[in-house]
Amino acid sequence: MGKRLNWWALVASLAAAILLGGFGCGEMGKVEQGRVIAFDKDKETVTFIADTKHDTANPDYSGAPLTFALPKDPMERGEDPKAGMRMKLDTKTREIVIYDPASQSIKKITYTLIDQKENVAKDSPLVAGKKFPMVDKEKKAITVYSGRQKLLVTFSVPDEYFTLPDNTWEAGDEVRIYYKEPGKAARFMNITKTDIFKK
């Protein structure tokens, strides 16, 4: 397992060079990264919103949806991904960015802050063992947790958005695909559920 995960670390470093034009030929294949909006376990396909910055430290999930068939070989495939429609939570501008399947577009929604807690670790009693998002339609309140940002935020949005499914406010897993054929993943990594530095 350790060798396979180290391979992914190598791919991550090579991906930047490939995407920035560091290699003239395309023989090494290509890498795409994104946030999952749909996963079909039966068809073994994943759809994600592509990261337009190709920056693992500061991703920008605003690209076009991409669909890939997952590898048949379990050794080339990470854990099954969780889907969600939340692309970004910006507490500075108090804006949440979602993917809207109905219009097949990215939407930015300004929210009203109710409560915000920072530096909340995944094992904190505030979030451990709890399922997010929490949507209270009577109180017009939505609570989300971002493990990446260590943020626990409760906010309200305009009434029309409370008709949307709960997974609208949930962040899908971040994934990385290595491929040589369009739409067919040679290797699949679930970044959210994989620690490439774990030995």
C-alpha atoms as a PDB file:
ATOM      1  CA  MET A   1       0.000   0.000   0.000  1.00  0.00           C
ATOM      2  CA  GLY A   2       2.789   2.378   0.927  1.00  0.00           C
ATOM      3  CA  LYS A   3       4.402   2.009  -2.493  1.00  0.00           C
ATOM      4  CA  ARG A   4       1.143   2.696  -4.268  1.00  0.00           C
ATOM      5  CA  LEU A   5       0.511   5.826  -2.220  1.00  0.00           C
ATOM      6  CA  ASN A   6       4.065   7.015  -2.829  1.00  0.00           C
ATOM      7  CA  TRP A   7       3.372   6.608  -6.541  1.00  0.00           C
ATOM      8  CA  TRP A   8       0.466   9.008  -6.135  1.00  0.00           C
ATOM      9  CA  ALA A   9       2.748  11.523  -4.480  1.00  0.00           C
ATOM     10  CA  LEU A  10       5.025  11.265  -7.511  1.00  0.00           C
ATOM     11  CA  VAL A  11       2.085  11.721  -9.871  1.00  0.00           C
ATOM     12  CA  ALA A  12       0.968  14.796  -7.919  1.00  0.00           C
ATOM     13  CA  SER A  13       4.374  16.398  -8.390  1.00  0.00           C
ATOM     14  CA  LEU A  14       4.582  15.436 -12.058  1.00  0.00           C
ATOM     15  CA  ALA A  15       1.043  16.651 -12.693  1.00  0.00           C
ATOM     16  CA  ALA A  16       2.027  20.271 -12.172  1.00  0.00           C
ATOM     17  CA  ALA A  17       4.810  19.951 -14.705  1.00  0.00           C
ATOM     18  CA  ILE A  18       2.517  18.260 -17.206  1.00  0.00           C
ATOM     19  CA  LEU A  19      -0.267  20.799 -16.807  1.00  0.00           C
ATOM     20  CA  LEU A  20       2.163  23.707 -17.034  1.00  0.00           C
ATOM     21  CA  GLY A  21       3.650  22.351 -20.224  1.00  0.00           C
ATOM     22  CA  GLY A  22       6.801  20.961 -18.657  1.00  0.00           C
ATOM     23  CA  PHE A  23       6.642  17.906 -20.924  1.00  0.00           C
ATOM     24  CA  GLY A  24       6.366  18.289 -24.661  1.00  0.00           C
ATOM     25  CA  CYS A  25       4.863  14.883 -25.311  1.00  0.00           C
ATOM     26  CA  GLY A  26       1.676  13.453 -23.875  1.00  0.00           C
ATOM     27  CA  GLU A  27       2.990   9.903 -23.446  1.00  0.00           C
ATOM     28  CA  MET A  28       2.836  10.095 -19.670  1.00  0.00           C
ATOM     29  CA  GLY A  29      -0.880  10.715 -19.747  1.00  0.00           C
ATOM     30  CA  LYS A  30      -2.795  13.500 -18.027  1.00  0.00           C
ATOM     31  CA  VAL A  31      -4.078  14.301 -14.551  1.00  0.00           C
ATOM     32  CA  GLU A  32      -7.367  15.917 -13.574  1.00  0.00           C
ATOM     33  CA  GLN A  33      -8.498  16.823 -10.091  1.00  0.00           C
ATOM     34  CA  GLY A  34     -11.917  17.858  -8.875  1.00  0.00           C
ATOM     35  CA  ARG A  35     -14.748  17.682  -6.369  1.00  0.00           C
ATOM     36  CA  VAL A  36     -17.271  14.859  -6.842  1.00  0.00           C
ATOM     37  CA  ILE A  37     -20.879  15.715  -7.704  1.00  0.00           C
ATOM     38  CA  ALA A  38     -22.005  12.212  -8.737  1.00  0.00           C
ATOM     39  CA  PHE A  39     -20.887   8.620  -8.249  1.00  0.00           C
ATOM     40  CA  ASP A  40     -22.590   5.640  -9.896  1.00  0.00           C
ATOM     41  CA  LYS A  41     -21.483   2.509  -8.050  1.00  0.00           C
ATOM     42  CA  ASP A  42     -23.229   0.159 -10.479  1.00  0.00           C
ATOM     43  CA  LYS A  43     -21.797   1.753 -13.627  1.00  0.00           C
ATOM     44  CA  GLU A  44     -18.515   2.497 -11.844  1.00  0.00           C
ATOM     45  CA  THR A  45     -18.360   6.092 -13.025  1.00  0.00           C
ATOM     46  CA  VAL A  46     -17.523   9.314 -11.221  1.00  0.00           C
ATOM     47  CA  THR A  47     -18.397  12.878 -12.192  1.00  0.00           C
ATOM     48  CA  PHE A  48     -16.570  15.847 -10.708  1.00  0.00           C
ATOM     49  CA  ILE A  49     -16.146  19.587 -11.128  1.00  0.00           C
ATOM     50  CA  ALA A  50     -12.605  20.200 -12.337  1.00  0.00           C
ATOM     51  CA  ASP A  51     -10.081  22.310 -10.488  1.00  0.00           C
ATOM     52  CA  THR A  52      -9.222  25.159 -12.851  1.00  0.00           C
ATOM     53  CA  LYS A  53      -6.113  26.226 -10.937  1.00  0.00           C
ATOM     54  CA  HIS A  54      -4.504  22.787 -10.719  1.00  0.00           C
ATOM     55  CA  ASP A  55      -3.298  23.845  -7.296  1.00  0.00           C
ATOM     56  CA  THR A  56      -3.751  21.225  -4.567  1.00  0.00           C
ATOM     57  CA  ALA A  57      -3.156  23.801  -1.823  1.00  0.00           C
ATOM     58  CA  ASN A  58      -5.633  26.334  -3.207  1.00  0.00           C
ATOM     59  CA  PRO A  59      -8.072  24.609  -5.592  1.00  0.00           C
ATOM     60  CA  ASP A  60     -10.739  26.400  -7.600  1.00  0.00           C
ATOM     61  CA  TYR A  61     -13.572  24.008  -8.358  1.00  0.00           C
ATOM     62  CA  SER A  62     -15.330  26.000 -11.055  1.00  0.00           C
ATOM     63  CA  GLY A  63     -14.505  24.041 -14.203  1.00  0.00           C
ATOM     64  CA  ALA A  64     -16.742  21.907 -16.375  1.00  0.00           C
ATOM     65  CA  PRO A  65     -18.133  18.602 -15.053  1.00  0.00           C
ATOM     66  CA  LEU A  66     -15.980  15.642 -16.117  1.00  0.00           C
ATOM     67  CA  THR A  67     -17.112  12.011 -16.100  1.00  0.00           C
ATOM     68  CA  PHE A  68     -14.704   9.071 -15.976  1.00  0.00           C
ATOM     69  CA  ALA A  69     -15.096   5.315 -15.879  1.00  0.00           C
ATOM     70  CA  LEU A  70     -13.142   3.994 -12.896  1.00  0.00           C
ATOM     71  CA  PRO A  71     -10.361   1.396 -13.195  1.00  0.00           C
ATOM     72  CA  LYS A  72     -11.418  -2.242 -12.982  1.00  0.00           C
ATOM     73  CA  ASP A  73      -8.235  -3.182 -11.132  1.00  0.00           C
ATOM     74  CA  PRO A  74      -8.806  -2.533  -7.389  1.00  0.00           C
ATOM     75  CA  MET A  75      -5.069  -1.833  -6.970  1.00  0.00           C
ATOM     76  CA  GLU A  76      -5.468   1.222  -9.203  1.00  0.00           C
ATOM     77  CA  ARG A  77      -8.550   2.492  -7.437  1.00  0.00           C
ATOM     78  CA  GLY A  78      -9.010   4.370  -4.185  1.00  0.00           C
ATOM     79  CA  GLU A  79     -12.036   4.397  -1.904  1.00  0.00           C
ATOM     80  CA  ASP A  80     -15.463   5.067  -3.380  1.00  0.00           C
ATOM     81  CA  PRO A  81     -16.161   8.819  -3.288  1.00  0.00           C
ATOM     82  CA  LYS A  82     -18.922  10.734  -1.580  1.00  0.00           C
ATOM     83  CA  ALA A  83     -20.837  13.190  -3.788  1.00  0.00           C
ATOM     84  CA  GLY A  84     -21.935  16.688  -2.837  1.00  0.00           C
ATOM     85  CA  MET A  85     -22.732  20.010  -4.478  1.00  0.00           C
ATOM     86  CA  ARG A  86     -20.785  22.457  -2.292  1.00  0.00           C
ATOM     87  CA  MET A  87     -17.714  23.719  -4.113  1.00  0.00           C
ATOM     88  CA  LYS A  88     -16.523  26.441  -1.762  1.00  0.00           C
ATOM     89  CA  LEU A  89     -17.279  28.094   1.562  1.00  0.00           C
ATOM     90  CA  ASP A  90     -15.896  31.630   1.705  1.00  0.00           C
ATOM     91  CA  THR A  91     -16.314  33.059   5.196  1.00  0.00           C
ATOM     92  CA  LYS A  92     -14.654  36.361   4.294  1.00  0.00           C
ATOM     93  CA  THR A  93     -17.256  37.271   1.688  1.00  0.00           C
ATOM     94  CA  ARG A  94     -19.931  35.127   3.387  1.00  0.00           C
ATOM     95  CA  GLU A  95     -20.538  33.316   0.166  1.00  0.00           C
ATOM     96  CA  ILE A  96     -21.176  29.658  -0.532  1.00  0.00           C
ATOM     97  CA  VAL A  97     -20.558  28.277  -4.000  1.00  0.00           C
ATOM     98  CA  ILE A  98     -22.605  25.304  -5.192  1.00  0.00           C
ATOM     99  CA  TYR A  99     -23.104  23.281  -8.349  1.00  0.00           C
ATOM    100  CA  ASP A 100     -26.747  23.359  -9.422  1.00  0.00           C
ATOM    101  CA  PRO A 101     -27.649  20.173 -11.368  1.00  0.00           C
ATOM    102  CA  ALA A 102     -30.911  21.698 -12.628  1.00  0.00           C
ATOM    103  CA  SER A 103     -29.175  24.523 -14.483  1.00  0.00           C
ATOM    104  CA  GLN A 104     -25.884  22.605 -14.785  1.00  0.00           C
ATOM    105  CA  SER A 105     -24.007  25.644 -13.583  1.00  0.00           C
ATOM    106  CA  ILE A 106     -22.030  27.043 -10.678  1.00  0.00           C
ATOM    107  CA  LYS A 107     -23.992  29.373  -8.384  1.00  0.00           C
ATOM    108  CA  LYS A 108     -22.718  31.792  -5.768  1.00  0.00           C
ATOM    109  CA  ILE A 109     -25.055  32.394  -2.828  1.00  0.00           C
ATOM    110  CA  THR A 110     -24.569  35.117  -0.255  1.00  0.00           C
ATOM    111  CA  TYR A 111     -25.489  33.803   3.170  1.00  0.00           C
ATOM    112  CA  THR A 112     -26.410  35.374   6.506  1.00  0.00           C
ATOM    113  CA  LEU A 113     -24.097  34.190   9.262  1.00  0.00           C
ATOM    114  CA  ILE A 114     -25.705  32.725  12.387  1.00  0.00           C
ATOM    115  CA  ASP A 115     -22.678  31.155  14.081  1.00  0.00           C
ATOM    116  CA  GLN A 116     -19.087  30.323  13.211  1.00  0.00           C
ATOM    117  CA  LYS A 117     -16.462  28.309  15.050  1.00  0.00           C
ATOM    118  CA  GLU A 118     -12.867  28.114  13.819  1.00  0.00           C
ATOM    119  CA  ASN A 119     -10.032  25.623  14.368  1.00  0.00           C
ATOM    120  CA  VAL A 120     -12.486  22.759  14.801  1.00  0.00           C
ATOM    121  CA  ALA A 121     -10.613  19.476  14.309  1.00  0.00           C
ATOM    122  CA  LYS A 122     -12.347  16.401  12.902  1.00  0.00           C
ATOM    123  CA  ASP A 123     -12.154  14.673  16.283  1.00  0.00           C
ATOM    124  CA  SER A 124     -13.689  17.628  18.139  1.00  0.00           C
ATOM    125  CA  PRO A 125     -16.839  16.809  20.164  1.00  0.00           C
ATOM    126  CA  LEU A 126     -18.538  19.536  18.151  1.00  0.00           C
ATOM    127  CA  VAL A 127     -18.390  17.433  14.972  1.00  0.00           C
ATOM    128  CA  ALA A 128     -17.197  13.896  15.768  1.00  0.00           C
ATOM    129  CA  GLY A 129     -19.891  11.310  15.108  1.00  0.00           C
ATOM    130  CA  LYS A 130     -22.272  13.894  13.679  1.00  0.00           C
ATOM    131  CA  LYS A 131     -23.650  14.008  10.163  1.00  0.00           C
ATOM    132  CA  PHE A 132     -23.405  17.203   8.147  1.00  0.00           C
ATOM    133  CA  PRO A 133     -24.949  19.211   6.679  1.00  0.00           C
ATOM    134  CA  MET A 134     -27.676  19.843   9.228  1.00  0.00           C
ATOM    135  CA  VAL A 135     -30.638  21.561   7.620  1.00  0.00           C
ATOM    136  CA  ASP A 136     -33.353  23.051   9.834  1.00  0.00           C
ATOM    137  CA  LYS A 137     -36.070  24.342   7.517  1.00  0.00           C
ATOM    138  CA  GLU A 138     -38.200  25.657  10.372  1.00  0.00           C
ATOM    139  CA  LYS A 139     -35.422  27.793  11.811  1.00  0.00           C
ATOM    140  CA  LYS A 140     -34.053  28.548   8.321  1.00  0.00           C
ATOM    141  CA  ALA A 141     -30.612  27.399   9.390  1.00  0.00           C
ATOM    142  CA  ILE A 142     -27.964  25.263   7.692  1.00  0.00           C
ATOM    143  CA  THR A 143     -24.897  23.964   9.512  1.00  0.00           C
ATOM    144  CA  VAL A 144     -21.888  22.714   7.559  1.00  0.00           C
ATOM    145  CA  TYR A 145     -18.452  21.501   8.548  1.00  0.00           C
ATOM    146  CA  SER A 146     -15.306  21.902   6.471  1.00  0.00           C
ATOM    147  CA  GLY A 147     -12.535  19.571   7.560  1.00  0.00           C
ATOM    148  CA  ARG A 148     -10.051  21.259   5.229  1.00  0.00           C
ATOM    149  CA  GLN A 149     -10.763  24.699   6.688  1.00  0.00           C
ATOM    150  CA  LYS A 150     -11.531  23.416  10.206  1.00  0.00           C
ATOM    151  CA  LEU A 151     -14.700  25.495  10.165  1.00  0.00           C
ATOM    152  CA  LEU A 152     -18.111  24.811  11.671  1.00  0.00           C
ATOM    153  CA  VAL A 153     -20.551  27.332  10.244  1.00  0.00           C
ATOM    154  CA  THR A 154     -24.283  27.885  10.676  1.00  0.00           C
ATOM    155  CA  PHE A 155     -25.939  30.226   8.227  1.00  0.00           C
ATOM    156  CA  SER A 156     -29.197  31.113   6.519  1.00  0.00           C
ATOM    157  CA  VAL A 157     -29.940  31.580   2.814  1.00  0.00           C
ATOM    158  CA  PRO A 158     -32.903  32.995   0.854  1.00  0.00           C
ATOM    159  CA  ASP A 159     -36.057  30.887   1.199  1.00  0.00           C
ATOM    160  CA  GLU A 160     -35.963  29.445  -2.340  1.00  0.00           C
ATOM    161  CA  TYR A 161     -32.736  27.603  -1.603  1.00  0.00           C
ATOM    162  CA  PHE A 162     -34.292  25.601   1.227  1.00  0.00           C
ATOM    163  CA  THR A 163     -36.189  23.602  -1.409  1.00  0.00           C
ATOM    164  CA  LEU A 164     -32.897  22.169  -2.680  1.00  0.00           C
ATOM    165  CA  PRO A 165     -31.716  18.701  -1.547  1.00  0.00           C
ATOM    166  CA  ASP A 166     -29.617  18.579   1.614  1.00  0.00           C
ATOM    167  CA  ASN A 167     -26.517  17.426  -0.304  1.00  0.00           C
ATOM    168  CA  THR A 168     -26.504  20.853  -1.963  1.00  0.00           C
ATOM    169  CA  TRP A 169     -24.617  22.071   1.122  1.00  0.00           C
ATOM    170  CA  GLU A 170     -22.356  19.044   1.430  1.00  0.00           C
ATOM    171  CA  ALA A 171     -18.843  19.054  -0.038  1.00  0.00           C
ATOM    172  CA  GLY A 172     -18.115  16.036  -2.209  1.00  0.00           C
ATOM    173  CA  ASP A 173     -14.808  14.213  -1.882  1.00  0.00           C
ATOM    174  CA  GLU A 174     -11.788  15.633  -3.670  1.00  0.00           C
ATOM    175  CA  VAL A 175     -10.436  13.158  -6.228  1.00  0.00           C
ATOM    176  CA  ARG A 176      -7.567  12.870  -8.686  1.00  0.00           C
ATOM    177  CA  ILE A 177      -7.649  10.978 -11.979  1.00  0.00           C
ATOM    178  CA  TYR A 178      -4.705   9.827 -14.083  1.00  0.00           C
ATOM    179  CA  TYR A 179      -5.674   8.896 -17.634  1.00  0.00           C
ATOM    180  CA  LYS A 180      -4.426   8.330 -21.157  1.00  0.00           C
ATOM    181  CA  GLU A 181      -7.805   7.783 -22.831  1.00  0.00           C
ATOM    182  CA  PRO A 182     -10.507  10.480 -22.470  1.00  0.00           C
ATOM    183  CA  GLY A 183     -13.218   9.401 -20.040  1.00  0.00           C
ATOM    184  CA  LYS A 184     -11.321   6.321 -18.862  1.00  0.00           C
ATOM    185  CA  ALA A 185      -9.304   6.520 -15.648  1.00  0.00           C
ATOM    186  CA  ALA A 186      -6.098   4.491 -15.487  1.00  0.00           C
ATOM    187  CA  ARG A 187      -5.744   5.363 -11.799  1.00  0.00           C
ATOM    188  CA  PHE A 188      -8.157   6.915  -9.352  1.00  0.00           C
ATOM    189  CA  MET A 189      -7.335   8.506  -5.999  1.00  0.00           C
ATOM    190  CA  ASN A 190      -9.778   9.733  -3.397  1.00  0.00           C
ATOM    191  CA  ILE A 191      -7.705  12.587  -1.939  1.00  0.00           C
ATOM    192  CA  THR A 192     -10.162  13.253   0.878  1.00  0.00           C
ATOM    193  CA  LYS A 193      -9.878   9.708   2.206  1.00  0.00           C
ATOM    194  CA  THR A 194      -6.192   9.086   1.487  1.00  0.00           C
ATOM    195  CA  ASP A 195      -3.122  10.295   3.336  1.00  0.00           C
ATOM    196  CA  ILE A 196      -0.234   9.996   0.854  1.00  0.00           C
ATOM    197  CA  PHE A 197       2.269  10.649   3.638  1.00  0.00           C
ATOM    198  CA  LYS A 198       0.992   7.879   5.885  1.00  0.00           C
ATOM    199  CA  LYS A 199       3.433   5.007   6.273  1.00  0.00           C
END
